[in-house]
PDB file of N, CA and C in Angstrom:
ATOM      1  N   MET A   1      46.082  35.660  73.793  1.00  0.00           N
ATOM      2  CA  MET A   1      47.351  35.886  73.312  1.00  0.00           C
ATOM      3  C   MET A   1      47.399  36.526  75.058  1.00  0.00           C
ATOM      4  N   ASP A   2      48.862  36.225  75.153  1.00  0.00           N
ATOM      5  CA  ASP A   2      49.604  36.685  76.949  1.00  0.00           C
ATOM      6  C   ASP A   2      49.908  38.579  76.049  1.00  0.00           C
ATOM      7  N   TYR A   3      49.900  39.850  76.859  1.00  0.00           N
ATOM      8  CA  TYR A   3      49.835  40.798  76.972  1.00  0.00           C
ATOM      9  C   TYR A   3      51.090  41.539  77.947  1.00  0.00           C
ATOM     10  N   VAL A   4      51.780  41.841  77.808  1.00  0.00           N
ATOM     11  CA  VAL A   4      52.660  42.479  78.712  1.00  0.00           C
ATOM     12  C   VAL A   4      52.104  43.827  79.603  1.00  0.00           C
ATOM     13  N   PHE A   5      50.914  44.756  78.832  1.00  0.00           N
ATOM     14  CA  PHE A   5      49.970  45.442  79.141  1.00  0.00           C
ATOM     15  C   PHE A   5      49.158  46.011  77.965  1.00  0.00           C
ATOM     16  N   GLU A   6      47.988  46.119  78.324  1.00  0.00           N
ATOM     17  CA  GLU A   6      46.656  46.482  77.538  1.00  0.00           C
ATOM     18  C   GLU A   6      46.300  48.159  78.320  1.00  0.00           C
ATOM     19  N   VAL A   7      45.717  49.026  76.777  1.00  0.00           N
ATOM     20  CA  VAL A   7      45.410  50.582  77.543  1.00  0.00           C
ATOM     21  C   VAL A   7      44.206  50.944  76.633  1.00  0.00           C
ATOM     22  N   ILE A   8      43.541  51.599  77.030  1.00  0.00           N
ATOM     23  CA  ILE A   8      42.410  52.495  76.164  1.00  0.00           C
ATOM     24  C   ILE A   8      42.964  53.693  75.464  1.00  0.00           C
ATOM     25  N   ASP A   9      43.390  53.993  74.419  1.00  0.00           N
ATOM     26  CA  ASP A   9      43.586  55.315  73.847  1.00  0.00           C
ATOM     27  C   ASP A   9      42.850  56.464  73.917  1.00  0.00           C
ATOM     28  N   LYS A  10      42.853  57.639  73.684  1.00  0.00           N
ATOM     29  CA  LYS A  10      42.026  58.891  73.221  1.00  0.00           C
ATOM     30  C   LYS A  10      40.500  58.488  73.090  1.00  0.00           C
ATOM     31  N   SER A  11      40.936  57.729  71.678  1.00  0.00           N
ATOM     32  CA  SER A  11      39.790  57.551  70.996  1.00  0.00           C
ATOM     33  C   SER A  11      38.559  55.900  70.689  1.00  0.00           C
ATOM     34  N   GLY A  12      38.963  55.897  72.264  1.00  0.00           N
ATOM     35  CA  GLY A  12      38.712  54.783  73.023  1.00  0.00           C
ATOM     36  C   GLY A  12      38.848  52.853  72.796  1.00  0.00           C
ATOM     37  N   ARG A  13      39.861  52.851  71.574  1.00  0.00           N
ATOM     38  CA  ARG A  13      40.065  51.724  71.382  1.00  0.00           C
ATOM     39  C   ARG A  13      41.351  51.208  72.000  1.00  0.00           C
ATOM     40  N   LYS A  14      41.045  49.901  72.347  1.00  0.00           N
ATOM     41  CA  LYS A  14      42.128  49.131  72.506  1.00  0.00           C
ATOM     42  C   LYS A  14      43.653  49.251  72.668  1.00  0.00           C
ATOM     43  N   MET A  15      44.954  48.907  72.925  1.00  0.00           N
ATOM     44  CA  MET A  15      46.026  48.505  71.886  1.00  0.00           C
ATOM     45  C   MET A  15      46.654  47.748  73.245  1.00  0.00           C
ATOM     46  N   HIS A  16      47.084  47.313  72.782  1.00  0.00           N
ATOM     47  CA  HIS A  16      48.083  46.450  73.750  1.00  0.00           C
ATOM     48  C   HIS A  16      49.493  46.133  72.998  1.00  0.00           C
ATOM     49  N   LEU A  17      50.442  46.149  73.663  1.00  0.00           N
ATOM     50  CA  LEU A  17      52.215  45.047  74.150  1.00  0.00           C
ATOM     51  C   LEU A  17      52.011  43.305  74.127  1.00  0.00           C
ATOM     52  N   SER A  18      52.395  42.973  73.441  1.00  0.00           N
ATOM     53  CA  SER A  18      52.308  41.616  72.946  1.00  0.00           C
ATOM     54  C   SER A  18      53.730  40.952  73.818  1.00  0.00           C
ATOM     55  N   LYS A  19      53.798  39.791  74.423  1.00  0.00           N
ATOM     56  CA  LYS A  19      54.908  39.357  74.920  1.00  0.00           C
ATOM     57  C   LYS A  19      55.744  38.748  73.939  1.00  0.00           C
ATOM     58  N   GLU A  20      55.448  38.540  72.715  1.00  0.00           N
ATOM     59  CA  GLU A  20      56.017  38.599  71.319  1.00  0.00           C
ATOM     60  C   GLU A  20      56.664  39.741  70.847  1.00  0.00           C
ATOM     61  N   ARG A  21      55.869  40.480  70.885  1.00  0.00           N
ATOM     62  CA  ARG A  21      56.564  42.036  70.638  1.00  0.00           C
ATOM     63  C   ARG A  21      57.588  42.509  71.297  1.00  0.00           C
ATOM     64  N   TRP A  22      57.582  42.375  72.718  1.00  0.00           N
ATOM     65  CA  TRP A  22      58.167  43.093  73.635  1.00  0.00           C
ATOM     66  C   TRP A  22      59.582  42.150  73.469  1.00  0.00           C
ATOM     67  N   GLN A  23      59.689  40.836  72.605  1.00  0.00           N
ATOM     68  CA  GLN A  23      60.702  40.070  72.723  1.00  0.00           C
ATOM     69  C   GLN A  23      61.327  40.574  71.955  1.00  0.00           C
ATOM     70  N   HIS A  24      60.758  41.293  71.071  1.00  0.00           N
ATOM     71  CA  HIS A  24      61.660  42.578  69.859  1.00  0.00           C
ATOM     72  C   HIS A  24      62.672  43.627  70.330  1.00  0.00           C
ATOM     73  N   ILE A  25      61.741  43.941  71.228  1.00  0.00           N
ATOM     74  CA  ILE A  25      62.380  45.338  71.909  1.00  0.00           C
ATOM     75  C   ILE A  25      63.608  45.431  73.402  1.00  0.00           C
ATOM     76  N   CYS A  26      63.323  43.458  73.883  1.00  0.00           N
ATOM     77  CA  CYS A  26      63.969  43.357  74.924  1.00  0.00           C
ATOM     78  C   CYS A  26      65.352  44.229  75.127  1.00  0.00           C
ATOM     79  N   LEU A  27      65.704  44.679  75.996  1.00  0.00           N
ATOM     80  CA  LEU A  27      66.742  45.293  75.842  1.00  0.00           C
ATOM     81  C   LEU A  27      67.636  44.266  76.470  1.00  0.00           C
ATOM     82  N   GLU A  28      68.002  43.232  77.039  1.00  0.00           N
ATOM     83  CA  GLU A  28      68.938  42.464  77.381  1.00  0.00           C
ATOM     84  C   GLU A  28      69.778  41.998  76.534  1.00  0.00           C
ATOM     85  N   HIS A  29      69.200  42.210  75.232  1.00  0.00           N
ATOM     86  CA  HIS A  29      69.718  41.220  74.269  1.00  0.00           C
ATOM     87  C   HIS A  29      70.320  42.620  72.843  1.00  0.00           C
ATOM     88  N   SER A  30      70.827  43.939  73.660  1.00  0.00           N
ATOM     89  CA  SER A  30      70.905  44.804  72.452  1.00  0.00           C
ATOM     90  C   SER A  30      72.513  44.949  71.943  1.00  0.00           C
ATOM     91  N   ASP A  31      72.840  45.341  71.183  1.00  0.00           N
ATOM     92  CA  ASP A  31      74.106  45.094  70.350  1.00  0.00           C
ATOM     93  C   ASP A  31      74.948  46.478  70.635  1.00  0.00           C
ATOM     94  N   PHE A  32      74.401  47.509  71.123  1.00  0.00           N
ATOM     95  CA  PHE A  32      75.245  48.390  71.614  1.00  0.00           C
ATOM     96  C   PHE A  32      74.361  49.228  72.699  1.00  0.00           C
ATOM     97  N   ILE A  33      75.531  50.081  73.597  1.00  0.00           N
ATOM     98  CA  ILE A  33      74.186  51.146  74.429  1.00  0.00           C
ATOM     99  C   ILE A  33      75.458  52.260  74.488  1.00  0.00           C
ATOM    100  N   SER A  34      74.566  53.621  73.816  1.00  0.00           N
ATOM    101  CA  SER A  34      75.334  54.847  73.980  1.00  0.00           C
ATOM    102  C   SER A  34      74.381  55.866  75.091  1.00  0.00           C
ATOM    103  N   ILE A  35      75.023  56.684  75.351  1.00  0.00           N
ATOM    104  CA  ILE A  35      74.808  57.803  76.472  1.00  0.00           C
ATOM    105  C   ILE A  35      74.820  58.959  75.811  1.00  0.00           C
ATOM    106  N   GLY A  36      73.483  59.699  76.380  1.00  0.00           N
ATOM    107  CA  GLY A  36      73.535  61.006  75.397  1.00  0.00           C
ATOM    108  C   GLY A  36      73.915  62.247  75.830  1.00  0.00           C
ATOM    109  N   ARG A  37      74.210  62.520  75.285  1.00  0.00           N
ATOM    110  CA  ARG A  37      74.847  63.894  74.963  1.00  0.00           C
ATOM    111  C   ARG A  37      74.977  64.958  76.021  1.00  0.00           C
ATOM    112  N   THR A  38      74.083  65.248  75.788  1.00  0.00           N
ATOM    113  CA  THR A  38      73.713  66.355  76.958  1.00  0.00           C
ATOM    114  C   THR A  38      72.948  65.768  78.458  1.00  0.00           C
ATOM    115  N   ASP A  39      72.730  64.608  78.382  1.00  0.00           N
ATOM    116  CA  ASP A  39      72.225  63.968  79.363  1.00  0.00           C
ATOM    117  C   ASP A  39      72.406  62.855  79.858  1.00  0.00           C
ATOM    118  N   ASP A  40      73.071  62.208  80.563  1.00  0.00           N
ATOM    119  CA  ASP A  40      73.449  61.597  81.050  1.00  0.00           C
ATOM    120  C   ASP A  40      73.144  60.426  81.598  1.00  0.00           C
ATOM    121  N   THR A  41      71.886  60.214  82.294  1.00  0.00           N
ATOM    122  CA  THR A  41      71.104  59.826  82.592  1.00  0.00           C
ATOM    123  C   THR A  41      69.960  58.905  81.318  1.00  0.00           C
ATOM    124  N   ILE A  42      69.839  59.494  80.345  1.00  0.00           N
ATOM    125  CA  ILE A  42      69.457  58.739  78.695  1.00  0.00           C
ATOM    126  C   ILE A  42      70.538  58.020  78.179  1.00  0.00           C
ATOM    127  N   HIS A  43      70.198  56.782  78.455  1.00  0.00           N
ATOM    128  CA  HIS A  43      70.751  55.868  77.174  1.00  0.00           C
ATOM    129  C   HIS A  43      69.640  55.424  76.418  1.00  0.00           C
ATOM    130  N   TYR A  44      70.720  54.915  75.143  1.00  0.00           N
ATOM    131  CA  TYR A  44      70.343  54.611  73.758  1.00  0.00           C
ATOM    132  C   TYR A  44      70.338  53.046  73.813  1.00  0.00           C
ATOM    133  N   TYR A  45      69.683  52.385  73.926  1.00  0.00           N
ATOM    134  CA  TYR A  45      69.683  50.536  73.503  1.00  0.00           C
ATOM    135  C   TYR A  45      69.410  50.654  72.037  1.00  0.00           C
ATOM    136  N   TYR A  46      70.735  49.756  71.623  1.00  0.00           N
ATOM    137  CA  TYR A  46      70.754  49.589  69.964  1.00  0.00           C
ATOM    138  C   TYR A  46      70.594  48.648  69.577  1.00  0.00           C
ATOM    139  N   LYS A  47      69.762  47.994  69.217  1.00  0.00           N
ATOM    140  CA  LYS A  47      69.398  46.199  67.978  1.00  0.00           C
ATOM    141  C   LYS A  47      69.243  46.198  66.459  1.00  0.00           C
ATOM    142  N   PHE A  48      70.751  46.056  65.953  1.00  0.00           N
ATOM    143  CA  PHE A  48      70.504  46.041  64.343  1.00  0.00           C
ATOM    144  C   PHE A  48      69.499  44.397  64.121  1.00  0.00           C
ATOM    145  N   TYR A  49      69.295  44.909  62.908  1.00  0.00           N
ATOM    146  CA  TYR A  49      68.437  43.993  62.070  1.00  0.00           C
ATOM    147  C   TYR A  49      68.890  43.896  60.417  1.00  0.00           C
ATOM    148  N   LYS A  50      69.747  42.931  60.405  1.00  0.00           N
ATOM    149  CA  LYS A  50      69.717  42.459  59.064  1.00  0.00           C
ATOM    150  C   LYS A  50      68.812  42.478  58.247  1.00  0.00           C
ATOM    151  N   ILE A  51      67.663  41.780  57.987  1.00  0.00           N
ATOM    152  CA  ILE A  51      67.478  41.921  57.122  1.00  0.00           C
ATOM    153  C   ILE A  51      66.576  43.408  56.363  1.00  0.00           C
ATOM    154  N   LYS A  52      66.733  44.435  57.545  1.00  0.00           N
ATOM    155  CA  LYS A  52      65.897  45.572  57.376  1.00  0.00           C
ATOM    156  C   LYS A  52      66.914  46.563  56.936  1.00  0.00           C
ATOM    157  N   LYS A  53      68.549  46.655  57.383  1.00  0.00           N
ATOM    158  CA  LYS A  53      69.077  47.032  57.429  1.00  0.00           C
ATOM    159  C   LYS A  53      68.756  48.589  58.530  1.00  0.00           C
ATOM    160  N   GLU A  54      68.384  48.197  59.133  1.00  0.00           N
ATOM    161  CA  GLU A  54      68.214  49.507  60.644  1.00  0.00           C
ATOM    162  C   GLU A  54      67.964  48.988  61.591  1.00  0.00           C
ATOM    163  N   TYR A  55      68.183  49.756  62.527  1.00  0.00           N
ATOM    164  CA  TYR A  55      68.435  49.687  63.923  1.00  0.00           C
ATOM    165  C   TYR A  55      67.297  50.340  64.614  1.00  0.00           C
ATOM    166  N   LEU A  56      67.004  48.916  65.873  1.00  0.00           N
ATOM    167  CA  LEU A  56      65.585  49.856  66.693  1.00  0.00           C
ATOM    168  C   LEU A  56      66.763  50.281  68.117  1.00  0.00           C
ATOM    169  N   ILE A  57      65.919  51.392  67.981  1.00  0.00           N
ATOM    170  CA  ILE A  57      66.737  52.179  69.434  1.00  0.00           C
ATOM    171  C   ILE A  57      65.167  52.532  69.980  1.00  0.00           C
ATOM    172  N   VAL A  58      66.089  51.990  72.090  1.00  0.00           N
ATOM    173  CA  VAL A  58      65.090  52.328  72.826  1.00  0.00           C
ATOM    174  C   VAL A  58      65.877  52.943  73.438  1.00  0.00           C
ATOM    175  N   SER A  59      65.267  54.274  73.890  1.00  0.00           N
ATOM    176  CA  SER A  59      65.852  55.787  74.956  1.00  0.00           C
ATOM    177  C   SER A  59      65.125  55.262  76.242  1.00  0.00           C
ATOM    178  N   VAL A  60      65.810  55.033  77.041  1.00  0.00           N
ATOM    179  CA  VAL A  60      65.405  54.525  78.636  1.00  0.00           C
ATOM    180  C   VAL A  60      66.366  56.007  79.267  1.00  0.00           C
ATOM    181  N   LYS A  61      65.477  56.847  80.414  1.00  0.00           N
ATOM    182  CA  LYS A  61      66.269  57.612  80.883  1.00  0.00           C
ATOM    183  C   LYS A  61      66.138  56.927  82.834  1.00  0.00           C
ATOM    184  N   TYR A  62      67.385  57.033  83.237  1.00  0.00           N
ATOM    185  CA  TYR A  62      67.368  56.773  85.041  1.00  0.00           C
ATOM    186  C   TYR A  62      67.291  57.649  85.560  1.00  0.00           C
ATOM    187  N   LEU A  63      66.590  57.419  86.728  1.00  0.00           N
ATOM    188  CA  LEU A  63      66.132  58.002  88.029  1.00  0.00           C
ATOM    189  C   LEU A  63      66.200  57.040  89.313  1.00  0.00           C
ATOM    190  N   ASN A  64      67.416  57.530  90.101  1.00  0.00           N
ATOM    191  CA  ASN A  64      67.518  57.023  91.180  1.00  0.00           C
ATOM    192  C   ASN A  64      67.286  55.441  91.333  1.00  0.00           C
ATOM    193  N   GLY A  65      68.535  55.319  90.294  1.00  0.00           N
ATOM    194  CA  GLY A  65      68.715  53.964  90.025  1.00  0.00           C
ATOM    195  C   GLY A  65      67.957  52.709  89.166  1.00  0.00           C
ATOM    196  N   ASP A  66      66.418  53.560  88.861  1.00  0.00           N
ATOM    197  CA  ASP A  66      65.125  53.056  88.156  1.00  0.00           C
ATOM    198  C   ASP A  66      65.145  53.609  86.880  1.00  0.00           C
ATOM    199  N   GLY A  67      65.181  52.619  85.556  1.00  0.00           N
ATOM    200  CA  GLY A  67      65.270  53.496  84.148  1.00  0.00           C
ATOM    201  C   GLY A  67      63.296  52.658  83.910  1.00  0.00           C
ATOM    202  N   TYR A  68      63.224  53.815  82.795  1.00  0.00           N
ATOM    203  CA  TYR A  68      62.004  53.677  82.675  1.00  0.00           C
ATOM    204  C   TYR A  68      61.676  53.933  80.673  1.00  0.00           C
ATOM    205  N   ILE A  69      61.586  53.363  79.889  1.00  0.00           N
ATOM    206  CA  ILE A  69      61.358  53.575  78.604  1.00  0.00           C
ATOM    207  C   ILE A  69      60.562  55.310  78.329  1.00  0.00           C
ATOM    208  N   VAL A  70      61.466  56.120  77.422  1.00  0.00           N
ATOM    209  CA  VAL A  70      61.184  56.702  77.300  1.00  0.00           C
ATOM    210  C   VAL A  70      60.029  57.037  75.463  1.00  0.00           C
ATOM    211  N   THR A  71      61.245  55.988  74.666  1.00  0.00           N
ATOM    212  CA  THR A  71      60.365  56.346  73.222  1.00  0.00           C
ATOM    213  C   THR A  71      61.235  54.990  72.554  1.00  0.00           C
ATOM    214  N   SER A  72      60.647  54.891  71.283  1.00  0.00           N
ATOM    215  CA  SER A  72      61.827  53.681  70.693  1.00  0.00           C
ATOM    216  C   SER A  72      61.533  54.291  69.035  1.00  0.00           C
ATOM    217  N   PHE A  73      62.386  53.732  68.556  1.00  0.00           N
ATOM    218  CA  PHE A  73      61.962  54.220  66.983  1.00  0.00           C
ATOM    219  C   PHE A  73      62.925  53.468  66.254  1.00  0.00           C
ATOM    220  N   ARG A  74      63.009  53.353  64.907  1.00  0.00           N
ATOM    221  CA  ARG A  74      63.725  52.880  64.021  1.00  0.00           C
ATOM    222  C   ARG A  74      64.729  53.977  63.275  1.00  0.00           C
ATOM    223  N   THR A  75      65.668  53.504  62.764  1.00  0.00           N
ATOM    224  CA  THR A  75      67.105  54.602  62.295  1.00  0.00           C
ATOM    225  C   THR A  75      67.681  53.318  61.737  1.00  0.00           C
ATOM    226  N   ARG A  76      68.296  54.164  60.189  1.00  0.00           N
ATOM    227  CA  ARG A  76      69.259  53.657  59.057  1.00  0.00           C
ATOM    228  C   ARG A  76      70.777  53.485  60.228  1.00  0.00           C
ATOM    229  N   LYS A  77      70.938  54.822  61.164  1.00  0.00           N
ATOM    230  CA  LYS A  77      72.179  55.353  61.647  1.00  0.00           C
ATOM    231  C   LYS A  77      72.463  55.124  62.940  1.00  0.00           C
ATOM    232  N   ALA A  78      73.363  54.819  63.297  1.00  0.00           N
ATOM    233  CA  ALA A  78      73.933  54.757  64.802  1.00  0.00           C
ATOM    234  C   ALA A  78      74.639  55.758  65.379  1.00  0.00           C
ATOM    235  N   ARG A  79      74.570  56.294  66.488  1.00  0.00           N
ATOM    236  CA  ARG A  79      75.497  56.983  67.134  1.00  0.00           C
ATOM    237  C   ARG A  79      76.038  56.656  68.443  1.00  0.00           C
ATOM    238  N   GLN A  80      77.419  56.395  68.237  1.00  0.00           N
ATOM    239  CA  GLN A  80      77.827  55.921  68.857  1.00  0.00           C
ATOM    240  C   GLN A  80      79.162  56.255  69.840  1.00  0.00           C
ATOM    241  N   THR A  81      78.623  56.618  71.216  1.00  0.00           N
ATOM    242  CA  THR A  81      79.316  57.571  72.240  1.00  0.00           C
ATOM    243  C   THR A  81      80.198  56.508  72.606  1.00  0.00           C
TER     244      THR A  81
END
């Protein structure tokens, strides 16, 4: 299987992000984007999944023109700004 990345966790076990899973959080296909209320360098990318009736949110921080993923999580409510 092809991985986007693979690391060793603190307990010595391997963990990875597969290309297939990466497609689930791919930011190119987000439904909408909101900007942080207190920090405009943070953008939240939302993707709604009808079957689960929930959003996947990917939080990205932009510094000097480059972005990096801070975290991602699922929620039933979306915050649009």
